């Protein structure tokens, strides 16, 4: 059975907010809880995405399907088009496509050595599509072509963008795409001069474009075998990359609200935006100080550098650890306490609606606030003079529990299959689940996963998908 236009309109009216609710809510005419209620009702109906009829699937399932199809497309392109400089294994092609679509950055193929220009273009296309979301890009082009977006498509789009409503959704989508293009273009123009000083014009253009897109989408892919270690002491390049990483990681909803505030269209920031900005800032600064402490006196790695490079390298690593996966230092040279700290930062991850993974900064904040409230004996969890509902607290606890369970079981299984260093394996699993891409490495410019057998590589790839789609 399919929805008629009248039944869709009736349901939309049923799940709309009243005018008084709308005036006090920045999310628009339909709250996210009511969207999910409507979506649950839609389970018995047919949901349609452009050109494809998918029966009895919820929006999250359709989004998962779109990622899987995109990964399979990328795998076939790597295998059956002249994309590589050498013959590659199908599992490695699948792993690479998965890492790109989920914007993780773990590599079993060296993008600079093993992929030719066409292969690098495919990789960049997968990163861009995976970062913004296939459904978001598809809907954007349909809007540009003048097609009207129906209610079902809007539900899927809202889930894809993690947008808490339906009101102004298409306008929000346009801003997301425009902002992404402007951010990547600006990053490209800013990275071009330092690359021109070291490489030919053609190489510099490719490198600047690739790293700008990879940084904004928090992908962590680099055409350099040692990531960005060659720019370890370069304040300018490090600053540009860090800004792109932060912009991509805080979430498009936050960026959009800051834009509306600057234009005078909203009088104050929402609790969500305040929480994201506060937690992100604290994690960056806290991670920076903590990394300096865990590396203090360690005779290898960061502490072998001068103070200027120590400060810059640890700040860069603090920013990159939660989302991006770029590195200006060999992680194998870090102390075990530093690696454990990085694992915690990776697990927390980026913010909702951004291009990174992890349990999300807001989930982490809710859990911490709940613990503090419990210790104080308070019956209510509050932040910025707002109360956090029990449903949100329970959801945060469930996400934390399931994430820990998934990472633990996957790590134990891979450790049993491979019997390699336990900490390095755990680091790799967490990096995949959090879609970060940092790795202790294989010694050949590749991730630790390059040493794994086919089964373990597939498990790591599945962890990337789970981390990108979310638990």
Protein backbone atom coordinates (compact mmCIF):
# COMPACT_ATOMS: atom_id res chain seq x y z
CA UNK A 1 0.00 0.00 0.00
CA UNK A 2 1.28 3.48 -0.84
CA UNK A 3 0.59 6.87 0.65
CA UNK A 4 -1.67 9.24 -1.20
CA UNK A 5 -0.96 12.95 -1.13
CA UNK A 6 -3.95 13.56 1.12
CA UNK A 7 -2.88 10.94 3.67
CA UNK A 8 0.66 12.37 3.73
CA UNK A 9 -0.69 15.88 4.28
CA UNK A 10 -2.99 14.68 7.04
CA UNK A 11 -0.14 12.94 8.83
CA UNK A 12 2.13 15.96 8.44
CA UNK A 13 -0.58 18.13 9.98
CA UNK A 14 -1.01 15.61 12.78
CA UNK A 15 2.69 15.67 13.64
CA UNK A 16 3.18 19.43 13.27
CA UNK A 17 3.96 21.74 16.15
CA UNK A 18 1.52 24.37 17.25
CA UNK A 19 2.28 28.01 16.51
CA UNK A 20 3.37 28.59 20.12
CA UNK A 21 5.71 25.59 19.98
CA UNK A 22 7.12 26.77 16.66
CA UNK A 23 8.00 30.19 17.98
CA UNK A 24 10.04 28.71 20.82
CA UNK A 25 11.71 25.97 18.81
CA UNK A 26 14.53 26.57 16.31
CA UNK A 27 13.87 23.23 14.69
CA UNK A 28 10.77 24.25 12.81
CA UNK A 29 7.37 22.75 12.27
CA UNK A 30 8.10 19.10 12.99
CA UNK A 31 10.07 17.95 16.02
CA UNK A 32 12.54 15.10 15.67
CA UNK A 33 10.59 12.90 18.09
CA UNK A 34 7.46 13.35 16.00
CA UNK A 35 9.42 12.66 12.83
CA UNK A 36 10.59 9.37 14.31
CA UNK A 37 7.00 8.56 15.34
CA UNK A 38 5.85 9.24 11.80
CA UNK A 39 8.78 7.25 10.40
CA UNK A 40 7.88 4.29 12.59
CA UNK A 41 4.33 4.45 11.21
CA UNK A 42 5.82 4.56 7.70
CA UNK A 43 7.47 1.18 8.21
CA UNK A 44 4.37 -0.47 6.83
CA UNK A 45 4.38 1.79 3.77
CA UNK A 46 6.74 2.10 0.83
CA UNK A 47 9.44 4.74 0.95
CA UNK A 48 10.84 5.88 -2.36
CA UNK A 49 14.23 7.39 -3.11
CA UNK A 50 14.86 8.96 -6.52
CA UNK A 51 14.63 6.28 -9.18
CA UNK A 52 14.64 3.38 -6.71
CA UNK A 53 11.67 1.77 -4.97
CA UNK A 54 12.59 0.32 -1.60
CA UNK A 55 9.78 -1.47 0.24
CA UNK A 56 9.28 -1.37 3.98
CA UNK A 57 12.50 0.44 4.89
CA UNK A 58 12.95 3.23 7.41
CA UNK A 59 15.06 6.29 6.51
CA UNK A 60 18.12 5.02 8.50
CA UNK A 61 17.96 1.73 6.59
CA UNK A 62 17.74 3.55 3.27
CA UNK A 63 20.76 5.67 4.23
CA UNK A 64 22.68 2.50 5.12
CA UNK A 65 21.70 1.00 1.76
CA UNK A 66 22.92 4.11 -0.06
CA UNK A 67 26.32 3.84 1.66
CA UNK A 68 26.59 0.15 0.78
CA UNK A 69 25.74 0.81 -2.87
CA UNK A 70 28.24 3.65 -3.01
CA UNK A 71 30.94 1.42 -1.50
CA UNK A 72 30.23 -1.34 -4.02
CA UNK A 73 30.37 1.19 -6.85
CA UNK A 74 33.73 2.45 -5.62
CA UNK A 75 35.04 -1.10 -5.28
CA UNK A 76 34.09 -1.92 -8.88
CA UNK A 77 35.67 1.31 -10.14
CA UNK A 78 38.95 0.48 -8.40
CA UNK A 79 38.90 -3.08 -9.76
CA UNK A 80 37.60 -2.71 -13.30
CA UNK A 81 38.80 0.70 -14.45
CA UNK A 82 42.45 1.77 -14.93
CA UNK A 83 42.62 3.31 -11.45
CA UNK A 84 45.73 1.67 -9.98
CA UNK A 85 49.39 1.43 -10.86
CA UNK A 86 49.47 -2.25 -9.91
CA UNK A 87 47.05 -5.14 -9.60
CA UNK A 88 45.14 -5.01 -6.33
CA UNK A 89 43.22 -7.55 -4.29
CA UNK A 90 39.38 -7.23 -4.30
CA UNK A 91 39.38 -7.06 -0.49
CA UNK A 92 41.83 -4.14 -0.62
CA UNK A 93 39.63 -2.40 -3.18
CA UNK A 94 36.58 -2.91 -0.95
CA UNK A 95 38.51 -1.71 2.11
CA UNK A 96 39.71 1.43 0.31
CA UNK A 97 36.24 2.26 -1.02
CA UNK A 98 34.74 1.75 2.44
CA UNK A 99 37.37 3.92 4.08
CA UNK A 100 36.69 6.70 1.57
CA UNK A 101 32.88 6.59 1.68
CA UNK A 102 32.87 6.52 5.49
CA UNK A 103 35.54 9.29 5.48
CA UNK A 104 37.78 7.22 7.75
CA UNK A 105 41.22 7.34 6.16
CA UNK A 106 42.65 3.94 7.05
CA UNK A 107 44.72 2.74 4.10
CA UNK A 108 45.86 -0.65 2.85
CA UNK A 109 46.81 1.00 -0.45
CA UNK A 110 49.02 4.08 -0.65
CA UNK A 111 46.90 6.70 -2.50
CA UNK A 112 50.00 8.52 -3.70
CA UNK A 113 51.91 5.44 -4.91
CA UNK A 114 49.32 2.79 -5.75
CA UNK A 115 46.60 4.96 -7.32
CA UNK A 116 47.03 6.85 -10.57
CA UNK A 117 45.37 10.20 -11.29
CA UNK A 118 42.07 8.52 -12.22
CA UNK A 119 42.17 6.40 -9.07
CA UNK A 120 42.86 9.48 -6.94
CA UNK A 121 39.91 11.23 -8.61
CA UNK A 122 37.67 8.26 -7.74
CA UNK A 123 38.93 8.36 -4.16
CA UNK A 124 38.22 12.09 -3.92
CA UNK A 125 34.72 11.62 -5.36
CA UNK A 126 33.95 8.92 -2.79
CA UNK A 127 35.25 11.12 0.04
CA UNK A 128 33.12 14.07 -1.05
CA UNK A 129 29.99 11.99 -1.58
CA UNK A 130 30.46 10.09 1.66
CA UNK A 131 31.25 13.23 3.65
CA UNK A 132 28.19 15.22 2.65
CA UNK A 133 26.02 12.15 2.21
CA UNK A 134 24.72 10.51 -0.95
CA UNK A 135 21.10 11.33 -0.12
CA UNK A 136 21.94 14.98 0.55
CA UNK A 137 23.81 15.42 -2.73
CA UNK A 138 21.16 13.58 -4.72
CA UNK A 139 18.39 15.72 -3.24
CA UNK A 140 20.41 18.89 -3.82
CA UNK A 141 20.80 18.19 -7.53
CA UNK A 142 17.10 17.33 -7.81
CA UNK A 143 16.27 20.69 -6.22
CA UNK A 144 18.62 22.45 -8.64
CA UNK A 145 16.85 20.70 -11.53
CA UNK A 146 13.54 22.01 -10.22
CA UNK A 147 12.02 18.80 -8.89
CA UNK A 148 9.69 19.12 -5.92
CA UNK A 149 10.87 17.14 -2.89
CA UNK A 150 8.10 15.12 -1.26
CA UNK A 151 7.52 14.32 2.39
CA UNK A 152 9.17 10.91 2.28
CA UNK A 153 12.30 12.30 0.62
CA UNK A 154 12.39 15.03 3.27
CA UNK A 155 12.23 12.45 6.07
CA UNK A 156 15.18 10.60 4.58
CA UNK A 157 17.09 13.84 4.05
CA UNK A 158 16.46 14.98 7.64
CA UNK A 159 17.84 11.66 8.90
CA UNK A 160 20.84 11.91 6.57
CA UNK A 161 21.74 15.44 7.68
CA UNK A 162 20.77 14.81 11.32
CA UNK A 163 18.50 17.84 11.02
CA UNK A 164 15.96 18.07 13.87
CA UNK A 165 12.88 18.98 11.85
CA UNK A 166 11.32 19.42 8.43
CA UNK A 167 10.77 23.18 8.40
CA UNK A 168 13.40 24.91 6.23
CA UNK A 169 15.07 21.60 5.42
CA UNK A 170 15.67 22.24 1.70
CA UNK A 171 16.97 25.73 2.44
CA UNK A 172 19.29 24.21 5.04
CA UNK A 173 20.50 21.65 2.48
CA UNK A 174 21.39 24.41 0.02
CA UNK A 175 23.40 26.21 2.70
CA UNK A 176 25.21 22.98 3.60
CA UNK A 177 26.35 22.34 0.02
CA UNK A 178 27.27 25.99 -0.61
CA UNK A 179 29.22 26.19 2.65
CA UNK A 180 31.05 22.93 1.90
CA UNK A 181 32.06 24.16 -1.57
CA UNK A 182 33.19 27.55 -0.24
CA UNK A 183 35.14 25.99 2.64
CA UNK A 184 36.91 23.51 0.37
CA UNK A 185 37.62 26.17 -2.26
CA UNK A 186 39.04 28.51 0.37
CA UNK A 187 41.14 25.69 1.80
CA UNK A 188 42.41 24.88 -1.68
CA UNK A 189 43.44 28.49 -2.34
CA UNK A 190 45.14 28.77 1.06
CA UNK A 191 47.07 25.50 0.68
CA UNK A 192 48.15 26.18 -2.89
CA UNK A 193 50.99 28.71 -2.17
CA UNK A 194 53.00 26.48 0.23
CA UNK A 195 52.58 23.51 -2.11
CA UNK A 196 53.73 25.60 -5.08
CA UNK A 197 56.97 26.27 -3.19
CA UNK A 198 57.74 22.54 -3.06
CA UNK A 199 56.09 20.99 -6.13
CA UNK A 200 55.33 21.68 -9.77
CA UNK A 201 52.17 23.63 -10.59
CA UNK A 202 50.18 20.54 -11.63
CA UNK A 203 51.26 18.59 -8.53
CA UNK A 204 50.58 21.54 -6.23
CA UNK A 205 47.05 22.01 -7.62
CA UNK A 206 46.27 18.30 -7.13
CA UNK A 207 47.75 18.20 -3.63
CA UNK A 208 46.02 21.38 -2.47
CA UNK A 209 42.63 20.26 -3.81
CA UNK A 210 42.92 16.72 -2.45
CA UNK A 211 43.99 17.76 1.04
CA UNK A 212 41.42 20.58 1.28
CA UNK A 213 38.57 18.17 0.47
CA UNK A 214 40.01 15.45 2.69
CA UNK A 215 40.47 17.84 5.63
CA UNK A 216 37.00 19.42 5.47
CA UNK A 217 35.35 16.01 5.21
CA UNK A 218 37.50 14.76 8.10
CA UNK A 219 38.71 11.91 5.88
CA UNK A 220 42.40 11.97 6.77
CA UNK A 221 43.50 10.64 3.37
CA UNK A 222 46.79 12.07 2.15
CA UNK A 223 48.81 11.69 -1.03
CA UNK A 224 51.95 11.69 1.12
CA UNK A 225 53.00 8.32 2.54
CA UNK A 226 53.82 9.92 5.91
CA UNK A 227 50.56 11.94 6.04
CA UNK A 228 51.52 15.57 6.83
CA UNK A 229 54.77 14.84 8.68
CA UNK A 230 56.63 16.87 6.06
CA UNK A 231 54.80 19.96 7.34
CA UNK A 232 55.36 19.25 11.05
CA UNK A 233 56.78 22.68 11.84
CA UNK A 234 54.72 24.61 9.30
CA UNK A 235 52.33 26.76 11.33
CA UNK A 236 50.50 28.02 8.23
CA UNK A 237 49.67 24.61 6.69
CA UNK A 238 48.84 23.12 10.09
CA UNK A 239 46.50 26.02 10.89
CA UNK A 240 44.65 25.78 7.57
CA UNK A 241 44.15 22.03 7.94
CA UNK A 242 43.03 22.35 11.58
CA UNK A 243 40.45 25.03 10.71
CA UNK A 244 39.05 22.87 7.90
CA UNK A 245 38.89 19.86 10.22
CA UNK A 246 37.06 21.81 12.94
CA UNK A 247 34.58 23.33 10.46
CA UNK A 248 33.74 19.89 9.10
CA UNK A 249 33.57 18.31 12.53
CA UNK A 250 31.30 20.66 14.50
CA UNK A 251 28.28 19.84 12.36
CA UNK A 252 26.37 21.69 9.67
CA UNK A 253 23.51 22.53 12.03
CA UNK A 254 25.94 24.49 14.23
CA UNK A 255 27.46 26.28 11.25
CA UNK A 256 24.00 27.14 9.95
CA UNK A 257 22.90 28.54 13.31
CA UNK A 258 26.05 30.66 13.60
CA UNK A 259 25.28 32.00 10.11
CA UNK A 260 21.70 32.84 11.12
CA UNK A 261 22.96 34.56 14.29
CA UNK A 262 25.41 36.65 12.28
CA UNK A 263 22.60 37.66 9.92
CA UNK A 264 20.34 38.57 12.83
CA UNK A 265 17.76 35.89 12.00
CA UNK A 266 18.01 34.26 15.42
CA UNK A 267 18.48 36.10 18.70
CA UNK A 268 20.44 33.43 20.54
CA UNK A 269 22.13 30.11 19.97
CA UNK A 270 20.32 26.89 20.77
CA UNK A 271 21.41 24.67 23.64
CA UNK A 272 22.70 22.14 21.11
CA UNK A 273 25.03 24.67 19.46
CA UNK A 274 26.28 26.01 22.79
CA UNK A 275 26.97 22.48 23.99
CA UNK A 276 28.79 21.47 20.79
CA UNK A 277 31.01 24.57 20.76
CA UNK A 278 31.79 24.32 24.48
CA UNK A 279 32.60 20.61 24.49
CA UNK A 280 34.60 20.80 21.24
CA UNK A 281 36.70 23.66 22.58
CA UNK A 282 37.31 21.95 25.91
CA UNK A 283 38.28 18.67 24.23
CA UNK A 284 40.75 20.40 21.90
CA UNK A 285 42.41 22.37 24.71
CA UNK A 286 42.20 19.50 27.19
CA UNK A 287 43.60 17.04 24.66
CA UNK A 288 46.42 19.45 23.85
CA UNK A 289 47.49 19.81 27.49
CA UNK A 290 47.03 16.10 28.20
CA UNK A 291 49.18 15.08 25.22
CA UNK A 292 51.96 17.37 26.41
CA UNK A 293 51.76 15.69 29.82
CA UNK A 294 51.71 12.11 28.49
CA UNK A 295 54.66 12.85 26.19
CA UNK A 296 56.64 14.74 28.83
CA UNK A 297 60.15 13.30 29.01
CA UNK A 298 59.43 10.56 26.44
CA UNK A 299 62.72 10.38 24.55
CA UNK A 300 61.15 9.54 21.18
CA UNK A 301 58.49 11.12 19.00
CA UNK A 302 57.17 14.54 19.99
CA UNK A 303 59.58 15.17 22.87
CA UNK A 304 62.57 14.85 20.54
CA UNK A 305 61.42 18.09 18.86
CA UNK A 306 61.96 21.69 19.95
CA UNK A 307 59.33 23.40 22.10
CA UNK A 308 57.74 25.21 19.17
CA UNK A 309 57.18 21.98 17.24
CA UNK A 310 56.08 20.17 20.41
CA UNK A 311 53.29 22.68 20.99
CA UNK A 312 52.19 22.72 17.34
CA UNK A 313 52.37 18.94 16.91
CA UNK A 314 50.37 18.16 20.05
CA UNK A 315 47.73 20.79 19.18
CA UNK A 316 47.42 19.38 15.66
CA UNK A 317 47.13 15.85 17.05
CA UNK A 318 44.49 16.94 19.58
CA UNK A 319 42.36 18.44 16.79
CA UNK A 320 42.90 15.55 14.38
CA UNK A 321 42.45 12.72 16.89
CA UNK A 322 38.71 13.14 17.32
CA UNK A 323 37.75 13.35 13.68
CA UNK A 324 40.25 13.72 10.87
CA UNK A 325 43.13 11.27 11.12
CA UNK A 326 45.90 13.48 9.74
CA UNK A 327 49.18 13.27 11.59
CA UNK A 328 52.45 15.16 11.63
CA UNK A 329 54.22 12.55 13.76
CA UNK A 330 54.72 8.79 13.62
CA UNK A 331 52.23 7.43 16.16
CA UNK A 332 54.40 4.36 16.72
CA UNK A 333 56.91 6.70 18.38
CA UNK A 334 54.42 7.96 20.98
CA UNK A 335 54.17 6.68 24.54
CA UNK A 336 51.48 4.11 25.37
CA UNK A 337 49.73 6.63 27.62
CA UNK A 338 49.52 9.04 24.66
CA UNK A 339 48.05 6.31 22.46
CA UNK A 340 45.47 5.53 25.15
CA UNK A 341 44.56 9.22 25.38
CA UNK A 342 44.17 9.41 21.59
CA UNK A 343 41.89 6.37 21.72
CA UNK A 344 39.64 8.18 24.20
CA UNK A 345 39.51 11.26 21.96
CA UNK A 346 38.73 9.11 18.92
CA UNK A 347 35.94 7.34 20.79
CA UNK A 348 34.27 10.66 21.65
CA UNK A 349 34.56 11.81 18.05
CA UNK A 350 32.89 14.69 16.24
CA UNK A 351 29.53 16.43 16.67
CA UNK A 352 26.12 15.39 15.30
CA UNK A 353 25.56 16.38 11.70
CA UNK A 354 29.28 16.71 11.02
CA UNK A 355 31.54 14.60 8.84
CA UNK A 356 33.21 12.72 11.71
CA UNK A 357 32.27 9.65 13.73
CA UNK A 358 32.52 8.48 17.34
CA UNK A 359 29.78 8.52 19.97
CA UNK A 360 29.54 12.33 19.38
CA UNK A 361 30.41 15.27 21.61
CA UNK A 362 26.80 15.79 22.71
CA UNK A 363 26.47 12.17 23.85
CA UNK A 364 29.70 12.51 25.81
CA UNK A 365 28.48 15.77 27.37
CA UNK A 366 25.13 14.28 28.41
CA UNK A 367 26.88 11.31 30.04
CA UNK A 368 29.34 13.54 31.95
CA UNK A 369 26.57 15.89 33.08
CA UNK A 370 24.47 12.91 34.21
CA UNK A 371 27.35 11.54 36.28
CA UNK A 372 27.97 14.96 37.86
CA UNK A 373 24.26 15.31 38.62
CA UNK A 374 24.19 11.85 40.23
CA UNK A 375 27.23 12.62 42.40
CA UNK A 376 25.64 15.86 43.56
CA UNK A 377 22.41 14.05 44.36
CA UNK A 378 20.44 16.23 41.99
CA UNK A 379 17.30 14.77 40.48
CA UNK A 380 17.63 16.83 37.33
CA UNK A 381 20.35 17.16 34.69
CA UNK A 382 20.68 20.74 33.46
CA UNK A 383 22.91 22.57 30.99
CA UNK A 384 22.75 26.24 30.01
CA UNK A 385 19.64 26.65 32.17
CA UNK A 386 17.86 23.90 30.25
CA UNK A 387 16.80 20.51 31.55
CA UNK A 388 17.92 17.35 29.76
CA UNK A 389 15.12 14.82 29.50
CA UNK A 390 15.39 11.24 30.70
CA UNK A 391 14.91 9.96 27.15
CA UNK A 392 18.05 11.79 26.00
CA UNK A 393 20.02 10.49 28.98
CA UNK A 394 18.89 6.91 28.35
CA UNK A 395 19.73 7.24 24.66
CA UNK A 396 23.24 8.49 25.49
CA UNK A 397 23.79 5.58 27.88
CA UNK A 398 22.57 3.07 25.30
CA UNK A 399 24.87 4.52 22.63
CA UNK A 400 27.82 4.37 25.02
CA UNK A 401 27.06 0.80 26.11
CA UNK A 402 26.51 -0.55 22.60
CA UNK A 403 29.61 1.23 21.29
CA UNK A 404 31.82 -0.22 24.02
CA UNK A 405 30.31 -3.66 23.45
CA UNK A 406 30.82 -3.50 19.67
CA UNK A 407 34.41 -2.27 19.89
CA UNK A 408 35.29 -4.85 22.55
CA UNK A 409 33.84 -7.82 20.68
CA UNK A 410 35.35 -6.76 17.35
CA UNK A 411 38.74 -6.23 18.93
CA UNK A 412 38.67 -9.62 20.66
CA UNK A 413 37.67 -11.33 17.42
CA UNK A 414 40.40 -9.65 15.35
CA UNK A 415 42.97 -10.25 18.08
CA UNK A 416 42.04 -13.94 18.01
CA UNK A 417 42.31 -14.05 14.21
CA UNK A 418 45.56 -12.11 13.88
CA UNK A 419 47.34 -12.54 17.24
CA UNK A 420 49.16 -9.22 16.93
CA UNK A 421 49.89 -6.48 19.46
CA UNK A 422 46.68 -6.06 21.47
CA UNK A 423 46.97 -2.28 21.97
CA UNK A 424 47.71 -1.68 18.28
CA UNK A 425 44.73 -3.82 17.28
CA UNK A 426 42.43 -2.00 19.71
CA UNK A 427 43.70 1.33 18.38
CA UNK A 428 42.87 0.23 14.82
CA UNK A 429 39.37 -0.96 15.72
CA UNK A 430 38.60 2.28 17.58
CA UNK A 431 39.98 4.32 14.69
CA UNK A 432 37.72 2.45 12.27
CA UNK A 433 34.62 2.64 14.48
CA UNK A 434 35.17 6.36 15.10
CA UNK A 435 35.97 6.93 11.38
CA UNK A 436 39.18 8.74 12.35
CA UNK A 437 41.85 6.92 10.35
CA UNK A 438 44.80 7.28 12.71
CA UNK A 439 46.95 4.15 12.97
CA UNK A 440 50.19 2.99 14.52
CA UNK A 441 51.07 1.97 10.96
CA UNK A 442 52.64 -0.99 9.25
CA UNK A 443 56.04 0.59 8.69
CA UNK A 444 55.39 1.10 4.96
CA UNK A 445 53.23 4.22 5.05
CA UNK A 446 50.10 2.08 5.40
CA UNK A 447 47.71 1.50 8.28
CA UNK A 448 48.11 -1.38 10.73
CA UNK A 449 45.22 -3.07 8.90
CA UNK A 450 47.51 -3.68 5.92
CA UNK A 451 49.06 -6.54 7.93
CA UNK A 452 45.69 -8.21 8.52
CA UNK A 453 44.21 -11.11 6.61
CA UNK A 454 41.05 -10.80 4.52
CA UNK A 455 38.60 -11.62 7.33
CA UNK A 456 40.08 -9.06 9.72
CA UNK A 457 40.10 -6.41 6.96
CA UNK A 458 36.41 -7.04 6.33
CA UNK A 459 35.70 -6.68 10.06
CA UNK A 460 37.56 -3.35 10.10
CA UNK A 461 35.60 -2.22 7.03
CA UNK A 462 32.31 -3.19 8.69
CA UNK A 463 33.37 -1.20 11.76
CA UNK A 464 33.82 1.86 9.55
CA UNK A 465 30.30 1.45 8.17
CA UNK A 466 28.81 0.98 11.64
CA UNK A 467 30.68 4.04 12.87
CA UNK A 468 29.59 6.22 9.95
CA UNK A 469 25.92 5.23 9.98
CA UNK A 470 25.79 5.22 13.78
CA UNK A 471 24.52 2.81 16.41
